Amino acid sequence: MLIDSNAYIGHWPFRRFEYNTLEALSGRMKAFGTDRSVVSNLNGIFYKNTQHANEELLAAIRNKRAYQDRFIPFAVINPIYGGWRDDFKICSSDAAIKGIRLYPQYHNYDITNPFCVELVKMCRDKGLPVVFTLRMVDSYASSWMDIDKEWSLKDIVPILWAVPDAKYMIVNVANSTALSKEDTALFKKADVLMDTSGRNITDWTDLFKRFGTDKFCFGTHSPILDYFSGLLRIESLGENEAGEKIKDLLRAGNVKRMLGI
């Protein structure tokens, strides 16, 4: 089985994307043998009211029965926007929604903002993973109107210390994964998954040694990145790096455990 933990529909204001509809994403999934995809709506990053983007996503998925069997929706919430608690109540009460995505850089709040911490605790209490993205697009090739700071893994650490018993997914790990000894120990104890879309998910021997084989899962970051690289990083693993049992954890096992599917 193959589950993509990190895909999107919707639009990006600074670039035209292909494969950014459920129909197009379904085609990519079929071409590469992906059974299911976690999907969220890029529009939620830019809409003032993120709940409108969540409504768009759910309406699109419910438009076809086949979509309901293949797509796993994650909602976008902005904890410094008025009414966000109501948004969370709506999203967390919908059985289809399996996680919450947060974008502190785009919504302009610190990762330890009290409202962010409160929201993460609410997700923890509902058993919903919280997703943070280290990089949406390459800042070097981005518009001057986009953000110019990319995160490294250490930028996520403060929220893990604040809420160590929540579930976390950290996607597009494009920059440094270096952590202090104490922070590494925290990561190893925490319920954390990092997807394979990021360019720094390459030295598997070191990554497995530092974090463990239960900390990674297949992800494409599609349509922003090409669909195949995240899968190639798994399938190209040599026998001395990972056997089929570990590959199956990366392909689907680890994310199935986290999402309870």
C-alpha atoms as a PDB file:
ATOM      1  CA  MET A   1       0.000   0.000   0.000  1.00  0.00           C
ATOM      2  CA  LEU A   2       1.122   3.570  -0.716  1.00  0.00           C
ATOM      3  CA  ILE A   3      -0.228   6.660   1.044  1.00  0.00           C
ATOM      4  CA  ASP A   4       0.856  10.199   0.137  1.00  0.00           C
ATOM      5  CA  SER A   5       0.924  12.215   3.368  1.00  0.00           C
ATOM      6  CA  ASN A   6       1.342  15.639   1.771  1.00  0.00           C
ATOM      7  CA  ALA A   7      -0.640  16.824  -1.263  1.00  0.00           C
ATOM      8  CA  TYR A   8      -2.755  19.842  -2.154  1.00  0.00           C
ATOM      9  CA  ILE A   9      -5.429  21.181  -4.397  1.00  0.00           C
ATOM     10  CA  GLY A  10      -6.060  24.879  -4.998  1.00  0.00           C
ATOM     11  CA  HIS A  11      -4.101  27.834  -6.298  1.00  0.00           C
ATOM     12  CA  TRP A  12      -0.867  29.649  -5.567  1.00  0.00           C
ATOM     13  CA  PRO A  13      -0.927  33.410  -6.167  1.00  0.00           C
ATOM     14  CA  PHE A  14       2.610  33.623  -7.532  1.00  0.00           C
ATOM     15  CA  ARG A  15       2.816  30.580  -9.799  1.00  0.00           C
ATOM     16  CA  ARG A  16       0.667  28.422 -12.047  1.00  0.00           C
ATOM     17  CA  PHE A  17       0.449  24.761 -11.070  1.00  0.00           C
ATOM     18  CA  GLU A  18      -0.700  21.696 -12.922  1.00  0.00           C
ATOM     19  CA  TYR A  19      -2.343  18.744 -11.174  1.00  0.00           C
ATOM     20  CA  ASN A  20      -3.943  21.024  -8.573  1.00  0.00           C
ATOM     21  CA  THR A  21      -7.456  19.551  -8.746  1.00  0.00           C
ATOM     22  CA  LEU A  22      -8.732  16.290  -7.300  1.00  0.00           C
ATOM     23  CA  GLU A  23      -9.239  14.914 -10.793  1.00  0.00           C
ATOM     24  CA  ALA A  24      -5.680  15.723 -11.827  1.00  0.00           C
ATOM     25  CA  LEU A  25      -4.274  14.457  -8.526  1.00  0.00           C
ATOM     26  CA  SER A  26      -6.205  11.221  -8.994  1.00  0.00           C
ATOM     27  CA  GLY A  27      -4.435  10.772 -12.313  1.00  0.00           C
ATOM     28  CA  ARG A  28      -1.033  11.224 -10.706  1.00  0.00           C
ATOM     29  CA  MET A  29      -1.937   8.769  -7.974  1.00  0.00           C
ATOM     30  CA  LYS A  30      -2.989   6.176 -10.529  1.00  0.00           C
ATOM     31  CA  ALA A  31       0.179   6.698 -12.564  1.00  0.00           C
ATOM     32  CA  PHE A  32       2.454   6.146  -9.568  1.00  0.00           C
ATOM     33  CA  GLY A  33       0.425   3.519  -7.725  1.00  0.00           C
ATOM     34  CA  THR A  34      -0.680   5.685  -4.802  1.00  0.00           C
ATOM     35  CA  ASP A  35      -3.726   4.274  -3.026  1.00  0.00           C
ATOM     36  CA  ARG A  36      -4.706   7.249  -0.856  1.00  0.00           C
ATOM     37  CA  SER A  37      -3.608  10.848  -0.356  1.00  0.00           C
ATOM     38  CA  VAL A  38      -3.774  13.280   2.516  1.00  0.00           C
ATOM     39  CA  VAL A  39      -4.898  16.507   0.864  1.00  0.00           C
ATOM     40  CA  SER A  40      -5.482  20.100   1.916  1.00  0.00           C
ATOM     41  CA  ASN A  41      -6.433  23.294   0.117  1.00  0.00           C
ATOM     42  CA  LEU A  42      -3.694  25.779  -0.791  1.00  0.00           C
ATOM     43  CA  ASN A  43      -6.328  28.514  -0.819  1.00  0.00           C
ATOM     44  CA  GLY A  44      -6.463  28.247   2.967  1.00  0.00           C
ATOM     45  CA  ILE A  45      -3.013  29.780   3.191  1.00  0.00           C
ATOM     46  CA  PHE A  46      -4.215  32.959   1.505  1.00  0.00           C
ATOM     47  CA  TYR A  47      -7.914  33.290   2.303  1.00  0.00           C
ATOM     48  CA  LYS A  48      -8.534  35.600   5.227  1.00  0.00           C
ATOM     49  CA  ASN A  49     -11.129  33.104   6.423  1.00  0.00           C
ATOM     50  CA  THR A  50      -9.449  29.701   6.177  1.00  0.00           C
ATOM     51  CA  GLN A  51     -12.717  27.867   6.801  1.00  0.00           C
ATOM     52  CA  HIS A  52     -13.896  28.763   3.306  1.00  0.00           C
ATOM     53  CA  ALA A  53     -10.983  26.764   1.913  1.00  0.00           C
ATOM     54  CA  ASN A  54     -11.908  23.792   4.104  1.00  0.00           C
ATOM     55  CA  GLU A  55     -15.479  23.949   2.847  1.00  0.00           C
ATOM     56  CA  GLU A  56     -14.214  23.999  -0.743  1.00  0.00           C
ATOM     57  CA  LEU A  57     -12.067  20.935  -0.105  1.00  0.00           C
ATOM     58  CA  LEU A  58     -14.817  18.906   1.527  1.00  0.00           C
ATOM     59  CA  ALA A  59     -17.322  19.851  -1.189  1.00  0.00           C
ATOM     60  CA  ALA A  60     -14.871  18.730  -3.882  1.00  0.00           C
ATOM     61  CA  ILE A  61     -14.202  15.406  -2.154  1.00  0.00           C
ATOM     62  CA  ARG A  62     -17.905  14.721  -1.591  1.00  0.00           C
ATOM     63  CA  ASN A  63     -18.660  15.451  -5.219  1.00  0.00           C
ATOM     64  CA  LYS A  64     -17.617  11.903  -6.170  1.00  0.00           C
ATOM     65  CA  ARG A  65     -17.825   8.701  -4.158  1.00  0.00           C
ATOM     66  CA  ALA A  66     -14.453   7.592  -5.523  1.00  0.00           C
ATOM     67  CA  TYR A  67     -12.826  10.704  -4.035  1.00  0.00           C
ATOM     68  CA  GLN A  68     -14.149   9.854  -0.580  1.00  0.00           C
ATOM     69  CA  ASP A  69     -12.366   6.513  -0.714  1.00  0.00           C
ATOM     70  CA  ARG A  70      -9.050   7.957  -1.935  1.00  0.00           C
ATOM     71  CA  PHE A  71      -8.617  11.365  -0.275  1.00  0.00           C
ATOM     72  CA  ILE A  72      -8.032  12.149   3.396  1.00  0.00           C
ATOM     73  CA  PRO A  73      -8.807  15.849   4.037  1.00  0.00           C
ATOM     74  CA  PHE A  74      -6.768  17.993   6.412  1.00  0.00           C
ATOM     75  CA  ALA A  75      -8.192  21.396   7.371  1.00  0.00           C
ATOM     76  CA  VAL A  76      -6.314  24.702   7.537  1.00  0.00           C
ATOM     77  CA  ILE A  77      -6.892  26.864  10.621  1.00  0.00           C
ATOM     78  CA  ASN A  78      -5.461  30.263  11.537  1.00  0.00           C
ATOM     79  CA  PRO A  79      -5.438  30.560  15.350  1.00  0.00           C
ATOM     80  CA  ILE A  80      -5.108  34.347  15.352  1.00  0.00           C
ATOM     81  CA  TYR A  81      -8.185  34.848  13.138  1.00  0.00           C
ATOM     82  CA  GLY A  82     -11.434  35.645  14.924  1.00  0.00           C
ATOM     83  CA  GLY A  83     -13.702  32.626  15.200  1.00  0.00           C
ATOM     84  CA  TRP A  84     -10.943  30.048  14.875  1.00  0.00           C
ATOM     85  CA  ARG A  85     -12.332  28.041  17.784  1.00  0.00           C
ATOM     86  CA  ASP A  86     -15.621  27.743  15.925  1.00  0.00           C
ATOM     87  CA  ASP A  87     -13.680  26.628  12.831  1.00  0.00           C
ATOM     88  CA  PHE A  88     -11.951  23.957  14.893  1.00  0.00           C
ATOM     89  CA  LYS A  89     -15.243  22.783  16.384  1.00  0.00           C
ATOM     90  CA  ILE A  90     -16.708  22.397  12.889  1.00  0.00           C
ATOM     91  CA  CYS A  91     -13.644  20.640  11.499  1.00  0.00           C
ATOM     92  CA  SER A  92     -13.021  18.346  14.452  1.00  0.00           C
ATOM     93  CA  SER A  93     -16.651  17.207  14.482  1.00  0.00           C
ATOM     94  CA  ASP A  94     -16.470  16.146  10.824  1.00  0.00           C
ATOM     95  CA  ALA A  95     -15.388  12.504  10.701  1.00  0.00           C
ATOM     96  CA  ALA A  96     -13.788  12.991   7.276  1.00  0.00           C
ATOM     97  CA  ILE A  97     -11.159  15.449   8.545  1.00  0.00           C
ATOM     98  CA  LYS A  98      -8.142  13.637   9.959  1.00  0.00           C
ATOM     99  CA  GLY A  99      -5.731  16.478  10.725  1.00  0.00           C
ATOM    100  CA  ILE A 100      -5.084  20.218  10.966  1.00  0.00           C
ATOM    101  CA  ARG A 101      -2.500  22.217   9.029  1.00  0.00           C
ATOM    102  CA  LEU A 102      -0.992  25.382  10.512  1.00  0.00           C
ATOM    103  CA  TYR A 103       1.000  28.053   8.662  1.00  0.00           C
ATOM    104  CA  PRO A 104       2.603  30.396  11.226  1.00  0.00           C
ATOM    105  CA  GLN A 105       4.854  32.074   8.669  1.00  0.00           C
ATOM    106  CA  TYR A 106       2.051  32.890   6.260  1.00  0.00           C
ATOM    107  CA  HIS A 107      -0.506  33.796   8.911  1.00  0.00           C
ATOM    108  CA  ASN A 108       2.071  35.875  10.795  1.00  0.00           C
ATOM    109  CA  TYR A 109       2.250  34.439  14.296  1.00  0.00           C
ATOM    110  CA  ASP A 110       4.957  32.803  16.371  1.00  0.00           C
ATOM    111  CA  ILE A 111       4.836  29.041  16.750  1.00  0.00           C
ATOM    112  CA  THR A 112       4.553  29.467  20.530  1.00  0.00           C
ATOM    113  CA  ASN A 113       1.801  32.070  20.305  1.00  0.00           C
ATOM    114  CA  PRO A 114      -0.672  31.205  23.110  1.00  0.00           C
ATOM    115  CA  PHE A 115      -3.481  30.662  20.596  1.00  0.00           C
ATOM    116  CA  CYS A 116      -1.294  28.318  18.545  1.00  0.00           C
ATOM    117  CA  VAL A 117      -0.400  26.345  21.671  1.00  0.00           C
ATOM    118  CA  GLU A 118      -4.074  26.228  22.621  1.00  0.00           C
ATOM    119  CA  LEU A 119      -5.032  24.945  19.181  1.00  0.00           C
ATOM    120  CA  VAL A 120      -2.345  22.253  19.241  1.00  0.00           C
ATOM    121  CA  LYS A 121      -3.627  21.110  22.635  1.00  0.00           C
ATOM    122  CA  MET A 122      -7.159  20.972  21.232  1.00  0.00           C
ATOM    123  CA  CYS A 123      -5.897  18.832  18.363  1.00  0.00           C
ATOM    124  CA  ARG A 124      -4.109  16.585  20.841  1.00  0.00           C
ATOM    125  CA  ASP A 125      -7.305  16.103  22.820  1.00  0.00           C
ATOM    126  CA  LYS A 126      -9.175  15.130  19.635  1.00  0.00           C
ATOM    127  CA  GLY A 127      -6.391  12.859  18.416  1.00  0.00           C
ATOM    128  CA  LEU A 128      -5.772  14.995  15.317  1.00  0.00           C
ATOM    129  CA  PRO A 129      -2.226  15.405  13.953  1.00  0.00           C
ATOM    130  CA  VAL A 130      -0.909  18.940  13.505  1.00  0.00           C
ATOM    131  CA  VAL A 131       1.042  19.626  10.313  1.00  0.00           C
ATOM    132  CA  PHE A 132       3.809  22.213   9.964  1.00  0.00           C
ATOM    133  CA  THR A 133       5.527  22.882   6.652  1.00  0.00           C
ATOM    134  CA  LEU A 134       9.190  23.889   6.724  1.00  0.00           C
ATOM    135  CA  ARG A 135       9.059  25.271   3.194  1.00  0.00           C
ATOM    136  CA  MET A 136       6.191  25.798   0.775  1.00  0.00           C
ATOM    137  CA  VAL A 137       8.203  26.966  -2.236  1.00  0.00           C
ATOM    138  CA  ASP A 138      11.861  27.705  -2.922  1.00  0.00           C
ATOM    139  CA  SER A 139      12.421  31.253  -1.682  1.00  0.00           C
ATOM    140  CA  TYR A 140      15.147  31.842  -4.273  1.00  0.00           C
ATOM    141  CA  ALA A 141      12.726  31.385  -7.138  1.00  0.00           C
ATOM    142  CA  SER A 142       9.686  32.869  -5.447  1.00  0.00           C
ATOM    143  CA  SER A 143       7.883  36.173  -5.882  1.00  0.00           C
ATOM    144  CA  TRP A 144       9.136  39.205  -3.957  1.00  0.00           C
ATOM    145  CA  MET A 145       5.674  39.276  -2.365  1.00  0.00           C
ATOM    146  CA  ASP A 146       6.128  35.835  -0.796  1.00  0.00           C
ATOM    147  CA  ILE A 147       7.871  35.154   2.521  1.00  0.00           C
ATOM    148  CA  ASP A 148      11.661  35.007   2.367  1.00  0.00           C
ATOM    149  CA  LYS A 149      12.470  32.865   5.407  1.00  0.00           C
ATOM    150  CA  GLU A 150      12.590  29.094   5.235  1.00  0.00           C
ATOM    151  CA  TRP A 151      12.414  27.015   8.378  1.00  0.00           C
ATOM    152  CA  SER A 152      14.754  24.284   9.555  1.00  0.00           C
ATOM    153  CA  LEU A 153      13.773  21.421  11.805  1.00  0.00           C
ATOM    154  CA  LYS A 154      14.897  23.319  14.907  1.00  0.00           C
ATOM    155  CA  ASP A 155      12.192  25.929  14.273  1.00  0.00           C
ATOM    156  CA  ILE A 156       9.538  23.318  15.116  1.00  0.00           C
ATOM    157  CA  VAL A 157      11.119  22.355  18.438  1.00  0.00           C
ATOM    158  CA  PRO A 158       9.480  25.074  20.618  1.00  0.00           C
ATOM    159  CA  ILE A 159       5.950  23.762  19.977  1.00  0.00           C
ATOM    160  CA  LEU A 160       7.075  20.200  20.731  1.00  0.00           C
ATOM    161  CA  TRP A 161       8.398  21.363  24.084  1.00  0.00           C
ATOM    162  CA  ALA A 162       5.144  23.257  24.710  1.00  0.00           C
ATOM    163  CA  VAL A 163       2.899  20.298  23.793  1.00  0.00           C
ATOM    164  CA  PRO A 164       5.069  17.155  23.782  1.00  0.00           C
ATOM    165  CA  ASP A 165       2.150  14.706  23.737  1.00  0.00           C
ATOM    166  CA  ALA A 166       0.460  15.913  20.532  1.00  0.00           C
ATOM    167  CA  LYS A 167       0.775  14.253  17.117  1.00  0.00           C
ATOM    168  CA  TYR A 168       2.904  16.120  14.582  1.00  0.00           C
ATOM    169  CA  MET A 169       3.614  15.858  10.876  1.00  0.00           C
ATOM    170  CA  ILE A 170       6.516  17.937   9.557  1.00  0.00           C
ATOM    171  CA  VAL A 171       6.592  18.186   5.790  1.00  0.00           C
ATOM    172  CA  ASN A 172       8.995  19.351   3.078  1.00  0.00           C
ATOM    173  CA  VAL A 173      12.086  19.109   5.266  1.00  0.00           C
ATOM    174  CA  ALA A 174      14.186  21.061   2.812  1.00  0.00           C
ATOM    175  CA  ASN A 175      16.750  22.505   5.211  1.00  0.00           C
ATOM    176  CA  SER A 176      18.899  21.417   8.142  1.00  0.00           C
ATOM    177  CA  THR A 177      17.765  18.576  10.386  1.00  0.00           C
ATOM    178  CA  ALA A 178      20.507  19.298  12.949  1.00  0.00           C
ATOM    179  CA  LEU A 179      19.238  19.363  16.537  1.00  0.00           C
ATOM    180  CA  SER A 180      20.811  19.520  19.956  1.00  0.00           C
ATOM    181  CA  LYS A 181      21.085  16.341  21.997  1.00  0.00           C
ATOM    182  CA  GLU A 182      18.124  17.368  24.148  1.00  0.00           C
ATOM    183  CA  ASP A 183      15.951  18.297  21.157  1.00  0.00           C
ATOM    184  CA  THR A 184      16.821  15.053  19.383  1.00  0.00           C
ATOM    185  CA  ALA A 185      15.757  13.107  22.467  1.00  0.00           C
ATOM    186  CA  LEU A 186      12.471  15.018  22.457  1.00  0.00           C
ATOM    187  CA  PHE A 187      11.892  14.173  18.778  1.00  0.00           C
ATOM    188  CA  LYS A 188      12.562  10.491  19.361  1.00  0.00           C
ATOM    189  CA  LYS A 189      10.017  10.377  22.203  1.00  0.00           C
ATOM    190  CA  ALA A 190       7.375  12.469  20.425  1.00  0.00           C
ATOM    191  CA  ASP A 191       4.752  11.187  17.991  1.00  0.00           C
ATOM    192  CA  VAL A 192       6.280  12.856  14.922  1.00  0.00           C
ATOM    193  CA  LEU A 193       6.379  12.009  11.230  1.00  0.00           C
ATOM    194  CA  MET A 194       8.497  13.711   8.580  1.00  0.00           C
ATOM    195  CA  ASP A 195       7.550  13.198   4.940  1.00  0.00           C
ATOM    196  CA  THR A 196       9.946  12.307   2.134  1.00  0.00           C
ATOM    197  CA  SER A 197       9.280  15.329  -0.092  1.00  0.00           C
ATOM    198  CA  GLY A 198      12.020  17.523   1.396  1.00  0.00           C
ATOM    199  CA  ARG A 199      15.414  17.676  -0.293  1.00  0.00           C
ATOM    200  CA  ASN A 200      17.200  16.953   3.028  1.00  0.00           C
ATOM    201  CA  ILE A 201      15.577  13.543   3.402  1.00  0.00           C
ATOM    202  CA  THR A 202      18.397  11.700   1.668  1.00  0.00           C
ATOM    203  CA  ASP A 203      20.966  10.290   4.118  1.00  0.00           C
ATOM    204  CA  TRP A 204      18.753   7.518   5.465  1.00  0.00           C
ATOM    205  CA  THR A 205      21.471   5.809   7.492  1.00  0.00           C
ATOM    206  CA  ASP A 206      22.005   8.982   9.506  1.00  0.00           C
ATOM    207  CA  LEU A 207      18.276   9.832   9.707  1.00  0.00           C
ATOM    208  CA  PHE A 208      17.302   6.362  10.946  1.00  0.00           C
ATOM    209  CA  LYS A 209      20.127   6.427  13.473  1.00  0.00           C
ATOM    210  CA  ARG A 210      19.154   9.827  14.856  1.00  0.00           C
ATOM    211  CA  PHE A 211      15.353   9.607  14.737  1.00  0.00           C
ATOM    212  CA  GLY A 212      14.256   6.017  14.083  1.00  0.00           C
ATOM    213  CA  THR A 213      12.441   4.272  11.228  1.00  0.00           C
ATOM    214  CA  ASP A 214       9.046   5.150  12.718  1.00  0.00           C
ATOM    215  CA  LYS A 215       9.531   8.891  12.106  1.00  0.00           C
ATOM    216  CA  PHE A 216       9.182   9.013   8.312  1.00  0.00           C
ATOM    217  CA  CYS A 217       6.480   8.596   5.676  1.00  0.00           C
ATOM    218  CA  PHE A 218       5.959   9.015   1.958  1.00  0.00           C
ATOM    219  CA  GLY A 219       4.959  12.516   0.854  1.00  0.00           C
ATOM    220  CA  THR A 220       5.043  14.363  -2.460  1.00  0.00           C
ATOM    221  CA  HIS A 221       4.276  18.027  -1.683  1.00  0.00           C
ATOM    222  CA  SER A 222       2.363  17.857  -4.972  1.00  0.00           C
ATOM    223  CA  PRO A 223       1.646  19.901  -7.072  1.00  0.00           C
ATOM    224  CA  ILE A 224       4.384  22.241  -5.813  1.00  0.00           C
ATOM    225  CA  LEU A 225       7.100  19.600  -6.186  1.00  0.00           C
ATOM    226  CA  ASP A 226       7.327  16.777  -8.696  1.00  0.00           C
ATOM    227  CA  TYR A 227       5.371  13.695  -7.733  1.00  0.00           C
ATOM    228  CA  PHE A 228       8.127  11.104  -8.040  1.00  0.00           C
ATOM    229  CA  SER A 229      11.042  12.331  -5.891  1.00  0.00           C
ATOM    230  CA  GLY A 230       9.386  11.550  -2.558  1.00  0.00           C
ATOM    231  CA  LEU A 231       8.730   7.986  -3.694  1.00  0.00           C
ATOM    232  CA  LEU A 232      12.151   7.533  -5.283  1.00  0.00           C
ATOM    233  CA  ARG A 233      13.792   8.306  -1.946  1.00  0.00           C
ATOM    234  CA  ILE A 234      12.081   5.222  -0.553  1.00  0.00           C
ATOM    235  CA  GLU A 235      12.314   2.860  -3.495  1.00  0.00           C
ATOM    236  CA  SER A 236      16.018   3.565  -4.047  1.00  0.00           C
ATOM    237  CA  LEU A 237      16.950   2.442  -0.532  1.00  0.00           C
ATOM    238  CA  GLY A 238      19.496  -0.352  -0.620  1.00  0.00           C
ATOM    239  CA  GLU A 239      19.222  -3.557   1.397  1.00  0.00           C
ATOM    240  CA  ASN A 240      21.948  -2.280   3.695  1.00  0.00           C
ATOM    241  CA  GLU A 241      19.791   0.781   4.445  1.00  0.00           C
ATOM    242  CA  ALA A 242      16.285  -0.669   4.717  1.00  0.00           C
ATOM    243  CA  GLY A 243      14.535  -3.957   4.007  1.00  0.00           C
ATOM    244  CA  GLU A 244      10.991  -4.348   2.705  1.00  0.00           C
ATOM    245  CA  LYS A 245       9.514  -4.200   6.205  1.00  0.00           C
ATOM    246  CA  ILE A 246      10.960  -0.740   6.797  1.00  0.00           C
ATOM    247  CA  LYS A 247      10.026   0.387   3.289  1.00  0.00           C
ATOM    248  CA  ASP A 248       6.433  -0.637   3.957  1.00  0.00           C
ATOM    249  CA  LEU A 249       6.456   1.520   7.084  1.00  0.00           C
ATOM    250  CA  LEU A 250       7.620   4.454   4.975  1.00  0.00           C
ATOM    251  CA  ARG A 251       5.168   3.749   2.154  1.00  0.00           C
ATOM    252  CA  ALA A 252       2.102   3.578   4.374  1.00  0.00           C
ATOM    253  CA  GLY A 253       2.546   1.882   7.748  1.00  0.00           C
ATOM    254  CA  ASN A 254       3.715   4.852   9.785  1.00  0.00           C
ATOM    255  CA  VAL A 255       1.059   7.254   8.494  1.00  0.00           C
ATOM    256  CA  LYS A 256      -1.680   4.630   8.881  1.00  0.00           C
ATOM    257  CA  ARG A 257      -0.708   4.282  12.519  1.00  0.00           C
ATOM    258  CA  MET A 258      -0.779   8.014  13.128  1.00  0.00           C
ATOM    259  CA  LEU A 259      -4.110   8.545  11.361  1.00  0.00           C
ATOM    260  CA  GLY A 260      -5.732   5.414  12.732  1.00  0.00           C
ATOM    261  CA  ILE A 261      -6.761   4.119   9.306  1.00  0.00           C
END
